[in-house]
Protein backbone atom coordinates (compact mmCIF):
# COMPACT_ATOMS: atom_id res chain seq x y z
CA UNK A 1 0.19 0.22 -0.19
CA UNK A 2 0.92 3.12 -1.27
CA UNK A 3 1.86 4.93 2.44
CA UNK A 4 1.32 9.18 2.42
CA UNK A 5 3.18 11.05 5.48
CA UNK A 6 1.36 14.61 6.50
CA UNK A 7 4.76 16.74 7.48
CA UNK A 8 3.81 19.06 10.23
CA UNK A 9 4.88 21.39 12.82
CA UNK A 10 4.16 24.51 15.30
CA UNK A 11 2.95 27.74 12.97
CA UNK A 12 1.73 26.04 8.89
CA UNK A 13 -1.40 26.62 7.41
CA UNK A 14 -4.36 24.02 7.91
CA UNK A 15 -5.58 24.34 5.14
CA UNK A 16 -3.35 22.65 2.32
CA UNK A 17 -3.20 20.01 5.10
CA UNK A 18 -7.60 19.28 5.50
CA UNK A 19 -6.50 18.36 2.10
CA UNK A 20 -4.29 16.32 1.40
CA UNK A 21 -5.57 14.97 4.19
CA UNK A 22 -9.07 14.26 2.98
CA UNK A 23 -7.86 13.20 -0.36
CA UNK A 24 -5.97 10.67 0.96
CA UNK A 25 -6.77 9.46 4.37
CA UNK A 26 -11.10 8.90 2.71
CA UNK A 27 -11.77 5.87 2.08
CA UNK A 28 -11.38 4.66 -1.21
CA UNK A 29 -11.23 0.97 -1.80
CA UNK A 30 -14.46 0.90 -3.21
CA UNK A 31 -12.74 3.02 -6.28
CA UNK A 32 -9.60 1.77 -6.54
CA UNK A 33 -8.16 -0.73 -3.88
CA UNK A 34 -5.44 -0.62 -2.03
CA UNK A 35 -6.01 2.86 -1.89
CA UNK A 36 -3.24 5.24 0.09
CA UNK A 37 -2.16 4.74 4.08
CA UNK A 38 -2.32 8.20 5.28
CA UNK A 39 -0.27 9.26 8.90
CA UNK A 40 0.46 12.41 10.21
CA UNK A 41 4.07 12.97 11.51
CA UNK A 42 5.78 15.70 13.81
CA UNK A 43 6.43 16.67 16.66
CA UNK A 44 3.46 16.14 19.52
CA UNK A 45 1.15 18.05 20.07
CA UNK A 46 1.04 20.48 16.49
CA UNK A 47 -0.62 24.49 16.77
CA UNK A 48 -1.97 24.96 13.79
CA UNK A 49 -3.41 28.89 13.70
CA UNK A 50 -6.78 27.51 16.19
CA UNK A 51 -6.34 24.14 15.83
CA UNK A 52 -4.25 20.93 17.66
CA UNK A 53 -2.95 18.34 16.32
CA UNK A 54 -1.95 14.69 17.71
CA UNK A 55 0.27 13.58 15.00
CA UNK A 56 0.43 9.55 14.50
CA UNK A 57 4.01 9.30 14.56
CA UNK A 58 7.92 11.82 15.08
CA UNK A 59 9.02 13.66 11.79
CA UNK A 60 11.48 10.11 11.87
CA UNK A 61 8.46 8.50 10.32
CA UNK A 62 9.02 10.24 7.33
CA UNK A 63 11.56 8.16 6.00
CA UNK A 64 9.72 5.23 5.29
CA UNK A 65 6.71 6.70 3.52
CA UNK A 66 6.65 6.48 -0.44
CA UNK A 67 5.03 9.71 -0.22
CA UNK A 68 5.53 12.93 2.15
CA UNK A 69 3.21 15.80 2.24
CA UNK A 70 4.56 19.05 3.14
CA UNK A 71 1.37 22.38 3.80
CA UNK A 72 1.48 25.62 3.70
CA UNK A 73 4.26 26.90 5.78
CA UNK A 74 2.48 30.43 7.53
CA UNK A 75 5.25 32.61 8.46
CA UNK A 76 7.64 32.55 5.41
CA UNK A 77 9.65 35.40 7.34
CA UNK A 78 10.53 32.65 9.35
CA UNK A 79 13.44 29.71 9.23
CA UNK A 80 11.32 26.12 8.97
CA UNK A 81 12.69 24.51 11.89
CA UNK A 82 15.89 22.16 11.63
CA UNK A 83 14.05 18.96 12.81
CA UNK A 84 11.18 19.26 10.13
CA UNK A 85 14.34 20.26 7.58
CA UNK A 86 16.37 17.32 7.55
CA UNK A 87 13.57 14.63 7.21
CA UNK A 88 11.79 15.77 4.50
CA UNK A 89 15.64 15.64 3.79
CA UNK A 90 16.40 12.18 5.22
CA UNK A 91 13.08 10.93 3.26
CA UNK A 92 13.56 12.55 0.32
CA UNK A 93 17.09 10.81 -0.33
CA UNK A 94 15.82 7.14 1.23
CA UNK A 95 13.75 7.42 -1.90
CA UNK A 96 10.29 9.08 -0.76
CA UNK A 97 8.38 11.33 -3.41
CA UNK A 98 8.46 14.34 -2.03
CA UNK A 99 5.28 17.12 -3.09
CA UNK A 100 5.35 20.81 -1.03
CA UNK A 101 1.77 22.75 -0.94
CA UNK A 102 1.12 26.30 -1.19
CA UNK A 103 3.98 27.68 1.25
CA UNK A 104 5.71 24.82 1.69
CA UNK A 105 8.20 24.88 -0.77
CA UNK A 106 10.39 27.10 1.03
CA UNK A 107 10.76 23.84 3.91
CA UNK A 108 11.93 21.88 0.56
CA UNK A 109 14.25 25.03 -0.90
CA UNK A 110 15.58 25.20 2.73
CA UNK A 111 16.23 21.82 2.53
CA UNK A 112 17.85 21.65 -0.94
CA UNK A 113 15.68 20.11 -2.45
CA UNK A 114 14.96 22.49 -5.36
CA UNK A 115 18.38 23.80 -6.12
CA UNK A 116 18.37 23.63 -10.08
CA UNK A 117 14.80 22.44 -10.38
CA UNK A 118 12.03 24.40 -11.38
CA UNK A 119 8.57 25.27 -8.85
CA UNK A 120 6.27 26.83 -7.11
CA UNK A 121 3.88 28.56 -4.42
CA UNK A 122 1.42 30.97 -3.88
CA UNK A 123 2.19 33.44 -6.13
CA UNK A 124 2.14 36.39 -3.13
CA UNK A 125 5.75 34.73 -1.98
CA UNK A 126 7.32 34.14 -5.37
CA UNK A 127 9.59 36.32 -5.46
CA UNK A 128 10.48 36.24 -1.34
CA UNK A 129 12.10 32.50 -2.37
CA UNK A 130 13.35 33.04 -5.43
CA UNK A 131 15.60 36.02 -3.95
CA UNK A 132 16.43 33.46 -0.75
CA UNK A 133 16.77 30.59 -2.92
CA UNK A 134 17.74 31.64 -6.12
CA UNK A 135 19.54 28.48 -6.97
CA UNK A 136 16.28 27.28 -7.52
CA UNK A 137 13.53 28.69 -10.54
CA UNK A 138 10.65 29.70 -9.24
CA UNK A 139 7.09 29.73 -11.98
CA UNK A 140 3.91 31.79 -10.43
CA UNK A 141 2.04 31.36 -13.28
CA UNK A 142 1.31 27.85 -12.70
CA UNK A 143 -0.71 25.45 -10.46
CA UNK A 144 1.95 22.98 -10.57
CA UNK A 145 5.20 21.97 -11.27
CA UNK A 146 6.07 17.89 -11.22
CA UNK A 147 9.83 17.21 -11.43
CA UNK A 148 9.28 13.05 -11.04
CA UNK A 149 11.11 12.96 -6.95
CA UNK A 150 10.04 16.80 -6.19
CA UNK A 151 7.35 18.83 -6.47
CA UNK A 152 5.63 21.90 -5.31
CA UNK A 153 2.28 23.23 -6.68
CA UNK A 154 0.91 27.12 -6.32
CA UNK A 155 -1.47 28.42 -3.31
CA UNK A 156 -4.51 27.08 -1.25
CA UNK A 157 -6.74 25.58 -3.89
CA UNK A 158 -3.81 24.84 -6.25
CA UNK A 159 -3.15 22.02 -3.15
CA UNK A 160 -6.40 20.07 -4.51
CA UNK A 161 -4.80 20.24 -7.77
CA UNK A 162 -1.49 18.98 -6.51
CA UNK A 163 -2.94 15.99 -4.71
CA UNK A 164 -5.58 14.86 -7.73
CA UNK A 165 -2.43 15.03 -9.70
CA UNK A 166 -0.38 12.82 -7.79
CA UNK A 167 -3.43 10.34 -7.96
CA UNK A 168 -3.53 10.50 -11.32
CA UNK A 169 -0.04 9.34 -11.58
CA UNK A 170 -0.22 5.97 -8.71
CA UNK A 171 -3.63 4.86 -10.63
CA UNK A 172 -4.31 7.19 -13.52
CA UNK A 173 -6.90 9.63 -15.13
CA UNK A 174 -10.45 7.83 -15.09
CA UNK A 175 -9.48 6.91 -10.90
CA UNK A 176 -8.53 10.74 -9.53
CA UNK A 177 -11.74 12.00 -12.00
CA UNK A 178 -13.86 9.39 -9.80
CA UNK A 179 -12.18 11.05 -6.67
CA UNK A 180 -12.38 15.12 -8.30
CA UNK A 181 -16.90 13.95 -8.57
CA UNK A 182 -16.38 12.71 -5.44
CA UNK A 183 -14.86 16.36 -3.77
CA UNK A 184 -17.54 18.08 -6.14
CA UNK A 185 -14.16 19.68 -7.83
CA UNK A 186 -13.04 19.52 -11.41
CA UNK A 187 -10.62 16.57 -12.35
CA UNK A 188 -8.16 19.02 -13.67
CA UNK A 189 -8.37 23.08 -14.36
CA UNK A 190 -6.98 25.04 -17.67
CA UNK A 191 -6.60 23.06 -20.15
CA UNK A 192 -6.60 19.51 -18.73
CA UNK A 193 -3.14 19.69 -16.04
CA UNK A 194 -1.54 16.11 -16.46
CA UNK A 195 1.10 14.18 -15.40
CA UNK A 196 3.59 16.19 -17.50
CA UNK A 197 1.95 19.61 -18.26
CA UNK A 198 3.23 21.17 -15.65
CA UNK A 199 2.11 24.62 -16.89
CA UNK A 200 -1.09 24.63 -17.37
CA UNK A 201 -3.36 26.64 -19.87
CA UNK A 202 -4.80 30.26 -18.80
CA UNK A 203 -8.62 30.83 -18.62
CA UNK A 204 -10.41 31.45 -21.84
CA UNK A 205 -9.92 35.04 -23.35
CA UNK A 206 -7.05 36.12 -21.01
CA UNK A 207 -3.67 35.43 -23.00
CA UNK A 208 -2.70 35.44 -27.50
CA UNK A 209 -3.36 31.80 -28.19
CA UNK A 210 -6.55 31.35 -25.85
CA UNK A 211 -8.08 30.57 -29.48
CA UNK A 212 -5.45 28.67 -31.07
CA UNK A 213 -4.61 26.44 -27.68
CA UNK A 214 -8.33 24.46 -28.48
CA UNK A 215 -8.42 25.05 -32.02
CA UNK A 216 -4.84 22.54 -31.29
CA UNK A 217 -6.83 19.45 -29.66
CA UNK A 218 -9.55 18.93 -31.31
CA UNK A 219 -7.03 18.68 -34.79
CA UNK A 220 -4.73 16.13 -32.73
CA UNK A 221 -4.52 13.52 -35.71
CA UNK A 222 -3.66 15.71 -38.67
CA UNK A 223 -0.16 17.34 -38.68
CA UNK A 224 0.28 20.49 -37.39
CA UNK A 225 3.09 22.27 -37.45
CA UNK A 226 5.22 25.46 -36.14
CA UNK A 227 3.23 27.12 -39.23
CA UNK A 228 -0.15 26.55 -39.40
CA UNK A 229 -0.61 26.90 -36.41
CA UNK A 230 1.48 30.58 -36.60
CA UNK A 231 -1.27 30.74 -39.31
CA UNK A 232 -4.18 30.44 -37.13
CA UNK A 233 -2.65 32.64 -34.40
CA UNK A 234 -2.21 35.53 -37.16
CA UNK A 235 1.01 35.93 -36.25
CA UNK A 236 5.17 34.90 -36.95
CA UNK A 237 6.04 31.88 -36.38
CA UNK A 238 8.90 33.83 -33.75
CA UNK A 239 6.15 35.91 -31.96
CA UNK A 240 4.28 32.39 -31.30
CA UNK A 241 7.38 30.77 -30.26
CA UNK A 242 7.58 33.28 -27.76
CA UNK A 243 3.91 33.97 -26.68
CA UNK A 244 3.75 29.72 -26.18
CA UNK A 245 6.79 30.22 -23.95
CA UNK A 246 5.08 32.84 -21.84
CA UNK A 247 2.22 31.17 -21.39
CA UNK A 248 2.39 27.54 -21.71
CA UNK A 249 6.72 27.45 -20.74
CA UNK A 250 8.05 25.77 -23.42
CA UNK A 251 7.70 25.71 -27.30
CA UNK A 252 4.84 24.61 -30.33
CA UNK A 253 5.83 21.37 -31.11
CA UNK A 254 6.73 20.27 -27.44
CA UNK A 255 3.60 21.43 -26.39
CA UNK A 256 1.83 19.67 -29.32
CA UNK A 257 4.46 16.43 -28.08
CA UNK A 258 2.76 16.53 -24.60
CA UNK A 259 -1.39 16.88 -26.20
CA UNK A 260 -0.97 13.98 -28.24
CA UNK A 261 0.51 12.05 -25.20
CA UNK A 262 -2.13 12.79 -22.82
CA UNK A 263 -5.10 11.97 -25.61
CA UNK A 264 -2.96 8.36 -25.70
CA UNK A 265 -2.88 8.10 -22.78
CA UNK A 266 -7.00 9.12 -22.84
CA UNK A 267 -7.51 6.92 -25.36
CA UNK A 268 -5.24 3.86 -23.65
CA UNK A 269 -7.64 4.63 -20.87
CA UNK A 270 -10.83 3.93 -21.63
CA UNK A 271 -11.02 2.15 -25.41
CA UNK A 272 -9.54 -1.44 -26.71
CA UNK A 273 -8.37 0.18 -29.66
CA UNK A 274 -5.07 -0.23 -31.21
CA UNK A 275 -1.97 1.20 -30.97
CA UNK A 276 -2.05 1.87 -34.41
CA UNK A 277 -5.49 3.19 -34.49
CA UNK A 278 -4.77 5.32 -31.09
CA UNK A 279 -1.38 6.50 -33.63
CA UNK A 280 -3.60 7.97 -36.10
CA UNK A 281 -6.26 9.46 -33.65
CA UNK A 282 -3.63 11.52 -31.69
CA UNK A 283 -1.55 12.60 -34.47
CA UNK A 284 1.80 10.10 -34.11
CA UNK A 285 1.21 7.83 -37.54
CA UNK A 286 2.45 5.00 -36.82
CA UNK A 287 2.57 2.59 -33.80
CA UNK A 288 6.51 2.96 -33.58
CA UNK A 289 6.50 6.44 -33.66
CA UNK A 290 3.63 6.65 -30.46
CA UNK A 291 5.79 3.43 -28.45
CA UNK A 292 9.14 5.70 -28.96
CA UNK A 293 7.69 8.73 -27.48
CA UNK A 294 4.96 7.93 -25.42
CA UNK A 295 8.24 5.60 -23.39
CA UNK A 296 10.34 8.43 -23.26
CA UNK A 297 8.01 10.66 -21.63
CA UNK A 298 6.33 8.40 -19.35
CA UNK A 299 8.66 5.85 -19.05
CA UNK A 300 6.63 2.43 -19.59
CA UNK A 301 5.59 1.30 -23.63
CA UNK A 302 1.83 1.91 -23.90
CA UNK A 303 1.32 -1.71 -23.59
CA UNK A 304 2.23 -1.48 -19.86
CA UNK A 305 0.38 1.72 -19.04
CA UNK A 306 -3.14 -0.11 -20.75
CA UNK A 307 -2.58 -3.09 -18.39
CA UNK A 308 -1.99 -0.45 -15.29
CA UNK A 309 -3.87 2.28 -15.52
CA UNK A 310 -7.08 0.42 -18.11
CA UNK A 311 -10.43 1.46 -16.57
CA UNK A 312 -12.77 -1.64 -15.57
CA UNK A 313 -15.25 0.49 -16.79
CA UNK A 314 -14.60 1.53 -19.89
CA UNK A 315 -16.26 2.49 -23.36
CA UNK A 316 -15.30 -0.10 -25.45
CA UNK A 317 -15.81 2.02 -28.48
CA UNK A 318 -13.82 2.98 -30.96
CA UNK A 319 -12.10 6.21 -31.17
């Protein structure tokens, strides 16, 4: 069973802790079994504003968890406790996946886990994080950043986005969607965040690519080029690339590849279509091309991904 440990200490924010605890501690074995085993680790007792929490284990227990989540740190002008920082670092060194919610990024940065990595935090504190830890590339415009073994979310509600992202990584999109429906929240926000989209598309009508991105997603089966996208956006290829970097954090072709991979994941999870059919539907050309790009991006071949994340209640209809 995947153990999720919530690392707590005095001076943290209760909202982010509550979000993570709700997602990972609620019994969801009727949806997928086994589910997570959630524990709270910290010195006892721990005060969160007006709330007092009795942890299940000490901070040293973090090193036994598969995933460690660090909620928001209330006073960013105060250094987080050394025992918390050391325990989080030790957990990562022991092989744990470590995720921060909101200003919990300051704890990860203090532990050195964000050095040389891209990260995010609440937009109001992004400049402070970047100034205090110049070795961290702080991106204030995204809801979360996934570096594999180290993840970070933006403020408040973005904690839910990252928690659902972790569920999606572990159990697939259909399970994450089921959990989101139970929580009465969107399974992903702003353009379909998923496993490898670390820069979600902004809300419609507030950026230069607002009309182009949905247009392109509807035509993933077509051999789109940068010139095609620039023509549709009525701008030069150079301007298009500049706007793509600003809005999505990546290049037009890399963004297209990410969307094709995401669509392929969805089809692998929800249909019985063959690899060649999925390759055509996602604009990947051939099954060999799909396998190559999918394996390189996701880390496993399409067939292995399907066996792991196949929805039991999927539609077996054609693409």
